Amino acid sequence: MTIDALAFVEIGGWSPAMVVLDAMEKNASVQLLQTELNDAPGVCIKLSGRISDVQSAARAAQQTADAMQTRALVHVISQPSEGSRAAYLAAPDFNPLIEQPSVQYPENPMSEQASFAVGLIETQGFTAAFEAIDTALKTANVEVLAREKLGGGYITIVIKGDVAAVRAAIDAGKARVEGLGKLIAAHVIPSPSKGVLALLPK
């Protein structure tokens, strides 16, 4: 299969990566190939599509990262060599340190965006994450969807609910992190894109 263009986005933190992916998918017609965790800790998002779409998605990624004041490396390769697939598409694996795969493929993507919001609180320190989510659940009518570990003590908890409830829960939760750990990111994604939903840990 010939690919017109590739985009790679390397960014520190799983939750900023999901916010950036959401912006890319909502801005252009691109296909999520996979994400790969590294030891930074950080995430590399890999997408393909027509060159104009990939360039548009890359601009959205950079603008979103800048707005979050999160450092990101965004790069586009046009007409990639067919032989390079073996390098940029990683094989499935399992990382025993974080007790999960470090390579993630979009599974069972939805045909449309979701009608609910997801919220993400990412901390360095497990106790901080658990306190934040306990507070979030006591503040608003939300439910825990998943948790994601990156290594280095980084953990993200994902919640679901309507936009107002998720915003209230995330605001309350992130206020509880101080003194227990380091807040890495706290975000709300209204109507998350299908790629984001397909990557949520089960």
N, C-alpha and C. Protein backbone atom coordinates (compact mmCIF):
# COMPACT_ATOMS: atom_id res chain seq x y z
N MET A 1 0.85 -1.19 0.00
CA MET A 1 0.00 0.00 0.00
C MET A 1 0.88 1.24 0.00
N THR A 2 0.68 2.13 -0.95
CA THR A 2 1.45 3.36 -1.04
C THR A 2 0.83 4.42 -0.13
N ILE A 3 1.68 5.07 0.67
CA ILE A 3 1.23 6.13 1.56
C ILE A 3 1.72 7.46 1.01
N ASP A 4 0.81 8.42 0.91
CA ASP A 4 1.14 9.73 0.36
C ASP A 4 2.03 10.52 1.32
N ALA A 5 1.68 10.50 2.62
CA ALA A 5 2.45 11.26 3.60
C ALA A 5 2.26 10.68 4.98
N LEU A 6 3.25 10.92 5.83
CA LEU A 6 3.22 10.49 7.22
C LEU A 6 3.39 11.70 8.12
N ALA A 7 2.78 11.65 9.30
CA ALA A 7 3.03 12.66 10.33
C ALA A 7 3.45 11.93 11.59
N PHE A 8 4.47 12.46 12.24
CA PHE A 8 4.92 11.95 13.53
C PHE A 8 4.86 13.08 14.53
N VAL A 9 4.27 12.82 15.67
CA VAL A 9 4.20 13.81 16.75
C VAL A 9 4.74 13.16 18.00
N GLU A 10 5.87 13.68 18.50
CA GLU A 10 6.42 13.20 19.76
C GLU A 10 6.13 14.24 20.82
N ILE A 11 5.51 13.80 21.92
CA ILE A 11 5.05 14.73 22.94
C ILE A 11 5.15 14.08 24.31
N GLY A 12 5.49 14.84 25.31
CA GLY A 12 5.62 14.33 26.67
C GLY A 12 4.26 14.21 27.33
N GLY A 13 3.90 13.00 27.70
CA GLY A 13 2.65 12.78 28.42
C GLY A 13 1.58 12.16 27.54
N TRP A 14 0.85 11.20 28.11
CA TRP A 14 -0.20 10.52 27.36
C TRP A 14 -1.42 11.40 27.17
N SER A 15 -1.81 12.16 28.20
CA SER A 15 -3.00 12.99 28.05
C SER A 15 -2.79 14.13 27.06
N PRO A 16 -1.65 14.85 27.06
CA PRO A 16 -1.46 15.82 25.98
C PRO A 16 -1.47 15.18 24.60
N ALA A 17 -0.97 13.95 24.51
CA ALA A 17 -0.98 13.25 23.22
C ALA A 17 -2.40 13.01 22.74
N MET A 18 -3.32 12.66 23.64
CA MET A 18 -4.70 12.43 23.26
C MET A 18 -5.39 13.74 22.83
N VAL A 19 -5.06 14.84 23.50
CA VAL A 19 -5.63 16.14 23.12
C VAL A 19 -5.13 16.53 21.72
N VAL A 20 -3.85 16.31 21.47
CA VAL A 20 -3.28 16.63 20.16
C VAL A 20 -3.88 15.73 19.08
N LEU A 21 -4.00 14.44 19.35
CA LEU A 21 -4.61 13.52 18.38
C LEU A 21 -6.04 13.94 18.05
N ASP A 22 -6.80 14.31 19.07
CA ASP A 22 -8.17 14.76 18.87
C ASP A 22 -8.20 15.96 17.93
N ALA A 23 -7.32 16.92 18.14
CA ALA A 23 -7.27 18.11 17.28
C ALA A 23 -6.89 17.75 15.86
N MET A 24 -5.95 16.84 15.69
CA MET A 24 -5.52 16.44 14.35
C MET A 24 -6.66 15.78 13.57
N GLU A 25 -7.37 14.85 14.25
CA GLU A 25 -8.44 14.13 13.57
C GLU A 25 -9.63 15.03 13.26
N LYS A 26 -9.86 16.02 14.11
CA LYS A 26 -10.98 16.93 13.85
C LYS A 26 -10.63 17.99 12.81
N ASN A 27 -9.35 18.14 12.51
CA ASN A 27 -8.91 19.17 11.58
C ASN A 27 -8.71 18.65 10.17
N ALA A 28 -8.44 17.34 10.03
CA ALA A 28 -8.11 16.81 8.71
C ALA A 28 -8.45 15.33 8.63
N SER A 29 -8.57 14.83 7.41
CA SER A 29 -8.87 13.42 7.18
C SER A 29 -7.55 12.63 7.19
N VAL A 30 -7.17 12.16 8.36
CA VAL A 30 -5.94 11.39 8.51
C VAL A 30 -6.27 10.07 9.19
N GLN A 31 -5.38 9.09 9.00
CA GLN A 31 -5.58 7.77 9.59
C GLN A 31 -4.53 7.55 10.67
N LEU A 32 -4.99 7.22 11.87
CA LEU A 32 -4.07 6.88 12.95
C LEU A 32 -3.51 5.49 12.70
N LEU A 33 -2.19 5.39 12.65
CA LEU A 33 -1.55 4.09 12.44
C LEU A 33 -1.29 3.39 13.77
N GLN A 34 -0.64 4.09 14.69
CA GLN A 34 -0.35 3.55 16.02
C GLN A 34 0.26 4.64 16.87
N THR A 35 0.35 4.38 18.17
CA THR A 35 1.14 5.22 19.06
C THR A 35 2.18 4.34 19.72
N GLU A 36 3.28 4.95 20.09
CA GLU A 36 4.36 4.19 20.72
C GLU A 36 4.88 4.98 21.92
N LEU A 37 4.88 4.33 23.08
CA LEU A 37 5.41 4.96 24.28
C LEU A 37 6.93 4.84 24.28
N ASN A 38 7.58 5.85 24.88
CA ASN A 38 9.03 5.75 25.04
C ASN A 38 9.38 6.00 26.50
N ASP A 39 10.66 6.02 26.80
CA ASP A 39 11.09 6.12 28.19
C ASP A 39 11.30 7.56 28.65
N ALA A 40 10.84 8.53 27.90
CA ALA A 40 11.11 9.94 28.24
C ALA A 40 10.51 10.42 29.56
N PRO A 41 9.26 10.16 30.00
CA PRO A 41 8.24 9.42 29.28
C PRO A 41 7.54 10.30 28.25
N GLY A 42 7.07 9.67 27.23
CA GLY A 42 6.38 10.40 26.19
C GLY A 42 5.73 9.46 25.21
N VAL A 43 5.12 10.03 24.18
CA VAL A 43 4.35 9.26 23.21
C VAL A 43 4.70 9.76 21.81
N CYS A 44 4.83 8.83 20.88
CA CYS A 44 4.95 9.18 19.46
C CYS A 44 3.66 8.76 18.77
N ILE A 45 2.94 9.73 18.20
CA ILE A 45 1.71 9.47 17.44
C ILE A 45 2.10 9.37 15.97
N LYS A 46 1.60 8.35 15.28
CA LYS A 46 1.95 8.12 13.87
C LYS A 46 0.67 8.09 13.04
N LEU A 47 0.59 8.98 12.04
CA LEU A 47 -0.60 9.07 11.20
C LEU A 47 -0.20 9.10 9.73
N SER A 48 -1.17 8.78 8.87
CA SER A 48 -0.93 8.86 7.43
C SER A 48 -2.13 9.51 6.76
N GLY A 49 -1.94 9.90 5.49
CA GLY A 49 -3.02 10.51 4.72
C GLY A 49 -2.48 11.22 3.51
N ARG A 50 -3.35 11.95 2.82
CA ARG A 50 -2.91 12.77 1.70
C ARG A 50 -2.04 13.89 2.24
N ILE A 51 -1.10 14.36 1.45
CA ILE A 51 -0.14 15.34 1.94
C ILE A 51 -0.81 16.60 2.48
N SER A 52 -1.85 17.08 1.80
CA SER A 52 -2.50 18.31 2.27
C SER A 52 -3.18 18.08 3.62
N ASP A 53 -3.80 16.91 3.81
CA ASP A 53 -4.44 16.59 5.08
C ASP A 53 -3.41 16.42 6.19
N VAL A 54 -2.33 15.72 5.88
CA VAL A 54 -1.29 15.48 6.87
C VAL A 54 -0.64 16.81 7.30
N GLN A 55 -0.41 17.69 6.35
CA GLN A 55 0.16 18.99 6.69
C GLN A 55 -0.80 19.81 7.56
N SER A 56 -2.08 19.75 7.23
CA SER A 56 -3.09 20.45 8.03
C SER A 56 -3.16 19.88 9.44
N ALA A 57 -3.13 18.55 9.54
CA ALA A 57 -3.14 17.90 10.85
C ALA A 57 -1.90 18.26 11.66
N ALA A 58 -0.76 18.33 10.99
CA ALA A 58 0.49 18.68 11.67
C ALA A 58 0.43 20.11 12.23
N ARG A 59 -0.14 21.03 11.45
CA ARG A 59 -0.29 22.41 11.95
C ARG A 59 -1.20 22.44 13.18
N ALA A 60 -2.28 21.67 13.12
CA ALA A 60 -3.20 21.60 14.26
C ALA A 60 -2.50 21.02 15.48
N ALA A 61 -1.65 20.02 15.26
CA ALA A 61 -0.91 19.41 16.37
C ALA A 61 0.01 20.43 17.04
N GLN A 62 0.75 21.18 16.22
CA GLN A 62 1.67 22.16 16.78
C GLN A 62 0.93 23.28 17.51
N GLN A 63 -0.14 23.76 16.92
CA GLN A 63 -0.93 24.83 17.56
C GLN A 63 -1.52 24.36 18.88
N THR A 64 -2.00 23.12 18.91
CA THR A 64 -2.59 22.58 20.14
C THR A 64 -1.54 22.40 21.22
N ALA A 65 -0.38 21.87 20.85
CA ALA A 65 0.71 21.71 21.82
C ALA A 65 1.16 23.06 22.35
N ASP A 66 1.27 24.05 21.47
CA ASP A 66 1.68 25.40 21.89
C ASP A 66 0.65 25.98 22.86
N ALA A 67 -0.62 25.79 22.57
CA ALA A 67 -1.68 26.32 23.44
C ALA A 67 -1.64 25.67 24.82
N MET A 68 -1.22 24.40 24.89
CA MET A 68 -1.09 23.70 26.17
C MET A 68 0.25 23.99 26.84
N GLN A 69 1.11 24.74 26.13
CA GLN A 69 2.48 25.01 26.59
C GLN A 69 3.23 23.70 26.86
N THR A 70 3.03 22.77 25.92
CA THR A 70 3.68 21.47 25.98
C THR A 70 4.60 21.33 24.78
N ARG A 71 5.84 20.96 25.05
CA ARG A 71 6.81 20.80 23.97
C ARG A 71 6.46 19.59 23.12
N ALA A 72 6.47 19.78 21.80
CA ALA A 72 6.17 18.67 20.89
C ALA A 72 7.05 18.79 19.66
N LEU A 73 7.46 17.65 19.15
CA LEU A 73 8.17 17.58 17.88
C LEU A 73 7.17 17.08 16.85
N VAL A 74 6.87 17.90 15.85
CA VAL A 74 5.89 17.56 14.81
C VAL A 74 6.61 17.53 13.48
N HIS A 75 6.52 16.40 12.76
CA HIS A 75 7.27 16.27 11.51
C HIS A 75 6.44 15.52 10.47
N VAL A 76 6.53 15.98 9.22
CA VAL A 76 5.81 15.37 8.10
C VAL A 76 6.83 14.81 7.10
N ILE A 77 6.58 13.60 6.63
CA ILE A 77 7.39 13.00 5.56
C ILE A 77 6.47 12.75 4.38
N SER A 78 6.78 13.40 3.26
CA SER A 78 5.97 13.18 2.06
C SER A 78 6.55 12.02 1.26
N GLN A 79 5.67 11.25 0.64
CA GLN A 79 6.03 10.09 -0.17
C GLN A 79 7.10 9.23 0.50
N PRO A 80 6.79 8.68 1.67
CA PRO A 80 7.78 7.86 2.37
C PRO A 80 8.16 6.61 1.57
N SER A 81 9.39 6.21 1.70
CA SER A 81 9.86 5.00 1.04
C SER A 81 9.09 3.80 1.56
N GLU A 82 8.69 2.92 0.65
CA GLU A 82 7.97 1.72 1.06
C GLU A 82 8.80 0.89 2.03
N GLY A 83 10.12 0.91 1.86
CA GLY A 83 11.00 0.13 2.74
C GLY A 83 11.08 0.66 4.15
N SER A 84 10.62 1.89 4.39
CA SER A 84 10.74 2.47 5.72
C SER A 84 9.66 1.98 6.69
N ARG A 85 8.63 1.28 6.17
CA ARG A 85 7.55 0.80 7.05
C ARG A 85 8.08 -0.07 8.19
N ALA A 86 9.11 -0.86 7.88
CA ALA A 86 9.67 -1.75 8.91
C ALA A 86 10.28 -0.97 10.06
N ALA A 87 10.63 0.28 9.82
CA ALA A 87 11.23 1.11 10.86
C ALA A 87 10.19 1.86 11.66
N TYR A 88 9.20 2.46 10.99
CA TYR A 88 8.27 3.32 11.73
C TYR A 88 7.05 2.59 12.28
N LEU A 89 6.70 1.43 11.74
CA LEU A 89 5.59 0.66 12.31
C LEU A 89 6.16 -0.40 13.24
N ALA A 90 5.96 -0.21 14.53
CA ALA A 90 6.51 -1.12 15.53
C ALA A 90 5.62 -2.36 15.67
N ALA A 91 6.25 -3.46 16.00
CA ALA A 91 5.51 -4.70 16.22
C ALA A 91 4.83 -4.67 17.59
N PRO A 92 3.74 -5.41 17.75
CA PRO A 92 3.10 -5.50 19.07
C PRO A 92 4.10 -5.99 20.11
N ASP A 93 3.99 -5.48 21.33
CA ASP A 93 4.89 -5.88 22.39
C ASP A 93 4.18 -5.80 23.73
N PHE A 94 4.91 -6.12 24.78
CA PHE A 94 4.39 -5.97 26.14
C PHE A 94 5.54 -5.51 27.02
N ASN A 95 5.33 -4.39 27.72
CA ASN A 95 6.36 -3.84 28.59
C ASN A 95 6.05 -4.24 30.03
N PRO A 96 6.83 -5.14 30.62
CA PRO A 96 6.53 -5.59 31.98
C PRO A 96 6.67 -4.49 33.03
N LEU A 97 7.49 -3.48 32.75
CA LEU A 97 7.69 -2.40 33.71
C LEU A 97 6.40 -1.61 33.93
N ILE A 98 5.66 -1.34 32.84
CA ILE A 98 4.41 -0.59 32.97
C ILE A 98 3.18 -1.50 32.86
N GLU A 99 3.43 -2.79 32.76
CA GLU A 99 2.38 -3.81 32.76
C GLU A 99 1.35 -3.60 31.64
N GLN A 100 1.83 -3.21 30.47
CA GLN A 100 0.94 -3.01 29.33
C GLN A 100 1.79 -2.89 28.07
N PRO A 101 1.16 -2.96 26.89
CA PRO A 101 1.92 -2.76 25.66
C PRO A 101 2.44 -1.33 25.56
N SER A 102 3.61 -1.17 24.94
CA SER A 102 4.10 0.19 24.68
C SER A 102 3.73 0.64 23.27
N VAL A 103 3.29 -0.30 22.43
CA VAL A 103 2.79 0.02 21.10
C VAL A 103 1.28 -0.18 21.11
N GLN A 104 0.55 0.86 20.72
CA GLN A 104 -0.91 0.79 20.75
C GLN A 104 -1.48 1.00 19.35
N TYR A 105 -2.37 0.11 18.97
CA TYR A 105 -3.08 0.21 17.70
C TYR A 105 -4.51 0.63 17.97
N PRO A 106 -5.11 1.45 17.11
CA PRO A 106 -6.52 1.79 17.31
C PRO A 106 -7.38 0.54 17.16
N GLU A 107 -8.17 0.24 18.19
CA GLU A 107 -9.01 -0.95 18.17
C GLU A 107 -10.48 -0.55 18.10
N ASN A 108 -11.22 -1.21 17.23
CA ASN A 108 -12.66 -1.01 17.10
C ASN A 108 -13.05 0.47 17.05
N PRO A 109 -12.46 1.24 16.13
CA PRO A 109 -12.81 2.66 16.08
C PRO A 109 -14.29 2.86 15.77
N MET A 110 -14.87 3.88 16.40
CA MET A 110 -16.28 4.22 16.15
C MET A 110 -16.38 4.91 14.80
N SER A 111 -17.52 4.84 14.19
CA SER A 111 -17.71 5.49 12.89
C SER A 111 -17.89 7.00 13.04
N GLU A 112 -18.26 7.45 14.23
CA GLU A 112 -18.48 8.87 14.46
C GLU A 112 -17.83 9.29 15.78
N GLN A 113 -17.77 10.60 15.98
CA GLN A 113 -17.30 11.11 17.25
C GLN A 113 -18.33 10.78 18.33
N ALA A 114 -17.86 10.72 19.56
CA ALA A 114 -18.74 10.41 20.69
C ALA A 114 -19.57 11.62 21.07
N SER A 115 -20.69 11.38 21.75
CA SER A 115 -21.56 12.47 22.19
C SER A 115 -21.24 12.91 23.61
N PHE A 116 -20.29 12.24 24.25
CA PHE A 116 -19.90 12.58 25.62
C PHE A 116 -18.51 13.22 25.63
N ALA A 117 -18.06 13.62 26.81
CA ALA A 117 -16.72 14.18 26.97
C ALA A 117 -15.86 13.21 27.76
N VAL A 118 -14.56 13.27 27.53
CA VAL A 118 -13.62 12.56 28.39
C VAL A 118 -12.73 13.59 29.07
N GLY A 119 -12.35 13.27 30.28
CA GLY A 119 -11.42 14.10 31.03
C GLY A 119 -10.20 13.28 31.39
N LEU A 120 -9.05 13.93 31.41
CA LEU A 120 -7.80 13.24 31.71
C LEU A 120 -7.04 14.01 32.78
N ILE A 121 -6.63 13.30 33.81
CA ILE A 121 -5.72 13.87 34.81
C ILE A 121 -4.47 13.02 34.80
N GLU A 122 -3.34 13.65 34.50
CA GLU A 122 -2.06 12.95 34.47
C GLU A 122 -1.16 13.52 35.55
N THR A 123 -0.61 12.63 36.36
CA THR A 123 0.27 13.06 37.45
C THR A 123 1.56 12.26 37.41
N GLN A 124 2.56 12.77 38.09
CA GLN A 124 3.72 11.96 38.41
C GLN A 124 3.57 11.63 39.89
N GLY A 125 3.22 10.41 40.15
CA GLY A 125 2.90 9.98 41.50
C GLY A 125 1.52 9.37 41.53
N PHE A 126 1.43 8.11 41.93
CA PHE A 126 0.16 7.41 41.92
C PHE A 126 -0.81 7.95 42.95
N THR A 127 -0.33 8.25 44.15
CA THR A 127 -1.23 8.74 45.21
C THR A 127 -1.96 9.99 44.76
N ALA A 128 -1.23 10.89 44.09
CA ALA A 128 -1.84 12.12 43.60
C ALA A 128 -2.97 11.82 42.61
N ALA A 129 -2.74 10.87 41.72
CA ALA A 129 -3.77 10.52 40.73
C ALA A 129 -4.99 9.93 41.41
N PHE A 130 -4.77 9.07 42.39
CA PHE A 130 -5.90 8.42 43.04
C PHE A 130 -6.72 9.42 43.86
N GLU A 131 -6.04 10.36 44.54
CA GLU A 131 -6.75 11.39 45.29
C GLU A 131 -7.53 12.29 44.35
N ALA A 132 -6.90 12.67 43.22
CA ALA A 132 -7.56 13.54 42.25
C ALA A 132 -8.83 12.90 41.71
N ILE A 133 -8.76 11.62 41.38
CA ILE A 133 -9.93 10.96 40.81
C ILE A 133 -11.00 10.72 41.85
N ASP A 134 -10.61 10.41 43.08
CA ASP A 134 -11.61 10.26 44.14
C ASP A 134 -12.38 11.57 44.32
N THR A 135 -11.64 12.68 44.31
CA THR A 135 -12.28 13.99 44.42
C THR A 135 -13.18 14.27 43.22
N ALA A 136 -12.69 13.94 42.03
CA ALA A 136 -13.47 14.16 40.81
C ALA A 136 -14.80 13.41 40.86
N LEU A 137 -14.76 12.17 41.31
CA LEU A 137 -15.97 11.35 41.36
C LEU A 137 -16.96 11.85 42.41
N LYS A 138 -16.44 12.46 43.47
CA LYS A 138 -17.30 13.00 44.51
C LYS A 138 -17.89 14.36 44.13
N THR A 139 -17.30 14.99 43.10
CA THR A 139 -17.72 16.33 42.69
C THR A 139 -18.83 16.32 41.66
N ALA A 140 -18.80 15.37 40.73
CA ALA A 140 -19.75 15.39 39.61
C ALA A 140 -20.08 13.97 39.18
N ASN A 141 -21.14 13.85 38.38
CA ASN A 141 -21.61 12.56 37.91
C ASN A 141 -20.77 12.11 36.71
N VAL A 142 -19.61 11.50 37.02
CA VAL A 142 -18.70 10.99 35.99
C VAL A 142 -18.31 9.58 36.36
N GLU A 143 -17.76 8.86 35.39
CA GLU A 143 -17.29 7.50 35.67
C GLU A 143 -15.86 7.34 35.16
N VAL A 144 -15.12 6.48 35.83
CA VAL A 144 -13.75 6.18 35.40
C VAL A 144 -13.80 5.24 34.22
N LEU A 145 -13.11 5.62 33.14
CA LEU A 145 -13.04 4.78 31.94
C LEU A 145 -11.80 3.90 31.95
N ALA A 146 -10.67 4.48 32.35
CA ALA A 146 -9.42 3.75 32.18
C ALA A 146 -8.29 4.43 32.94
N ARG A 147 -7.17 3.73 32.99
CA ARG A 147 -5.93 4.32 33.49
C ARG A 147 -4.79 3.90 32.57
N GLU A 148 -3.79 4.75 32.47
CA GLU A 148 -2.66 4.52 31.57
C GLU A 148 -1.39 4.86 32.31
N LYS A 149 -0.40 3.95 32.27
CA LYS A 149 0.90 4.21 32.89
C LYS A 149 1.94 4.41 31.80
N LEU A 150 2.85 5.37 32.03
CA LEU A 150 3.93 5.62 31.09
C LEU A 150 5.28 5.20 31.64
N GLY A 151 5.38 4.88 32.89
CA GLY A 151 6.68 4.68 33.52
C GLY A 151 7.12 5.98 34.17
N GLY A 152 8.16 5.92 34.96
CA GLY A 152 8.64 7.12 35.64
C GLY A 152 7.65 7.67 36.64
N GLY A 153 6.70 6.85 37.08
CA GLY A 153 5.69 7.31 38.02
C GLY A 153 4.56 8.09 37.39
N TYR A 154 4.54 8.19 36.04
CA TYR A 154 3.48 8.93 35.35
C TYR A 154 2.26 8.04 35.20
N ILE A 155 1.11 8.56 35.55
CA ILE A 155 -0.14 7.81 35.40
C ILE A 155 -1.25 8.77 34.99
N THR A 156 -2.09 8.33 34.08
CA THR A 156 -3.25 9.11 33.63
C THR A 156 -4.51 8.34 33.97
N ILE A 157 -5.48 9.04 34.56
CA ILE A 157 -6.80 8.46 34.79
C ILE A 157 -7.76 9.16 33.84
N VAL A 158 -8.62 8.39 33.17
CA VAL A 158 -9.56 8.91 32.19
C VAL A 158 -10.98 8.77 32.73
N ILE A 159 -11.75 9.86 32.68
CA ILE A 159 -13.14 9.82 33.11
C ILE A 159 -14.06 10.19 31.96
N LYS A 160 -15.34 9.89 32.14
CA LYS A 160 -16.34 10.10 31.08
C LYS A 160 -17.59 10.71 31.70
N GLY A 161 -18.28 11.57 30.93
CA GLY A 161 -19.54 12.15 31.36
C GLY A 161 -19.93 13.27 30.42
N ASP A 162 -20.96 14.05 30.79
CA ASP A 162 -21.27 15.19 29.93
C ASP A 162 -20.23 16.27 30.17
N VAL A 163 -20.16 17.22 29.25
CA VAL A 163 -19.06 18.20 29.26
C VAL A 163 -18.99 18.97 30.57
N ALA A 164 -20.12 19.48 31.06
CA ALA A 164 -20.11 20.28 32.29
C ALA A 164 -19.64 19.46 33.48
N ALA A 165 -20.12 18.22 33.58
CA ALA A 165 -19.73 17.36 34.69
C ALA A 165 -18.25 17.03 34.64
N VAL A 166 -17.75 16.72 33.45
CA VAL A 166 -16.33 16.38 33.32
C VAL A 166 -15.46 17.59 33.64
N ARG A 167 -15.86 18.78 33.17
CA ARG A 167 -15.08 19.98 33.49
C ARG A 167 -15.02 20.21 35.00
N ALA A 168 -16.17 20.10 35.67
CA ALA A 168 -16.22 20.31 37.12
C ALA A 168 -15.36 19.27 37.84
N ALA A 169 -15.45 18.03 37.40
CA ALA A 169 -14.68 16.95 38.03
C ALA A 169 -13.18 17.14 37.85
N ILE A 170 -12.76 17.49 36.64
CA ILE A 170 -11.33 17.70 36.38
C ILE A 170 -10.80 18.89 37.17
N ASP A 171 -11.54 19.98 37.21
CA ASP A 171 -11.11 21.16 37.97
C ASP A 171 -10.94 20.82 39.45
N ALA A 172 -11.90 20.08 39.99
CA ALA A 172 -11.82 19.71 41.41
C ALA A 172 -10.67 18.73 41.65
N GLY A 173 -10.51 17.78 40.76
CA GLY A 173 -9.47 16.77 40.93
C GLY A 173 -8.07 17.33 40.86
N LYS A 174 -7.82 18.19 39.89
CA LYS A 174 -6.45 18.70 39.74
C LYS A 174 -6.05 19.59 40.91
N ALA A 175 -7.02 20.20 41.58
CA ALA A 175 -6.71 21.04 42.74
C ALA A 175 -6.21 20.22 43.93
N ARG A 176 -6.44 18.91 43.91
CA ARG A 176 -6.06 18.04 45.03
C ARG A 176 -4.67 17.43 44.88
N VAL A 177 -4.00 17.69 43.77
CA VAL A 177 -2.72 17.03 43.50
C VAL A 177 -1.58 17.63 44.32
N GLU A 178 -1.60 18.93 44.54
CA GLU A 178 -0.49 19.61 45.20
C GLU A 178 -0.17 18.98 46.55
N GLY A 179 1.11 18.72 46.77
CA GLY A 179 1.57 18.12 48.01
C GLY A 179 1.60 16.60 47.98
N LEU A 180 0.93 16.00 46.99
CA LEU A 180 0.89 14.55 46.87
C LEU A 180 1.70 14.03 45.69
N GLY A 181 1.94 14.89 44.73
CA GLY A 181 2.66 14.52 43.52
C GLY A 181 2.70 15.72 42.60
N LYS A 182 3.08 15.50 41.36
CA LYS A 182 3.21 16.58 40.39
C LYS A 182 2.11 16.46 39.33
N LEU A 183 1.37 17.55 39.12
CA LEU A 183 0.37 17.56 38.06
C LEU A 183 1.07 17.74 36.72
N ILE A 184 0.92 16.77 35.84
CA ILE A 184 1.51 16.85 34.50
C ILE A 184 0.53 17.50 33.54
N ALA A 185 -0.72 17.11 33.60
CA ALA A 185 -1.72 17.65 32.68
C ALA A 185 -3.11 17.35 33.20
N ALA A 186 -4.05 18.21 32.84
CA ALA A 186 -5.47 17.99 33.15
C ALA A 186 -6.26 18.58 31.99
N HIS A 187 -6.98 17.75 31.28
CA HIS A 187 -7.66 18.19 30.06
C HIS A 187 -9.07 17.62 29.96
N VAL A 188 -9.91 18.35 29.25
CA VAL A 188 -11.25 17.88 28.90
C VAL A 188 -11.34 17.85 27.38
N ILE A 189 -11.81 16.73 26.83
CA ILE A 189 -12.01 16.61 25.38
C ILE A 189 -13.49 16.41 25.13
N PRO A 190 -14.22 17.45 24.68
CA PRO A 190 -15.63 17.26 24.33
C PRO A 190 -15.74 16.44 23.04
N SER A 191 -16.66 15.53 22.99
CA SER A 191 -16.89 14.70 21.79
C SER A 191 -15.58 14.18 21.22
N PRO A 192 -14.86 13.34 21.95
CA PRO A 192 -13.55 12.88 21.48
C PRO A 192 -13.62 12.17 20.14
N SER A 193 -12.56 12.34 19.36
CA SER A 193 -12.49 11.73 18.04
C SER A 193 -12.42 10.21 18.15
N LYS A 194 -12.69 9.54 17.04
CA LYS A 194 -12.74 8.07 17.06
C LYS A 194 -11.37 7.46 17.37
N GLY A 195 -10.31 8.12 16.94
CA GLY A 195 -8.98 7.61 17.25
C GLY A 195 -8.66 7.66 18.72
N VAL A 196 -9.06 8.73 19.38
CA VAL A 196 -8.85 8.85 20.82
C VAL A 196 -9.59 7.73 21.54
N LEU A 197 -10.85 7.53 21.18
CA LEU A 197 -11.65 6.48 21.83
C LEU A 197 -11.07 5.11 21.56
N ALA A 198 -10.54 4.91 20.37
CA ALA A 198 -9.99 3.59 20.01
C ALA A 198 -8.71 3.29 20.77
N LEU A 199 -8.03 4.33 21.29
CA LEU A 199 -6.79 4.13 22.02
C LEU A 199 -6.95 4.06 23.53
N LEU A 200 -8.14 4.35 24.01
CA LEU A 200 -8.32 4.33 25.47
C LEU A 200 -7.99 2.94 26.00
N PRO A 201 -7.17 2.88 27.05
CA PRO A 201 -6.85 1.57 27.61
C PRO A 201 -8.08 0.86 28.12
N LYS A 202 -8.10 -0.44 27.95
CA LYS A 202 -9.28 -1.23 28.35
C LYS A 202 -9.19 -1.62 29.81
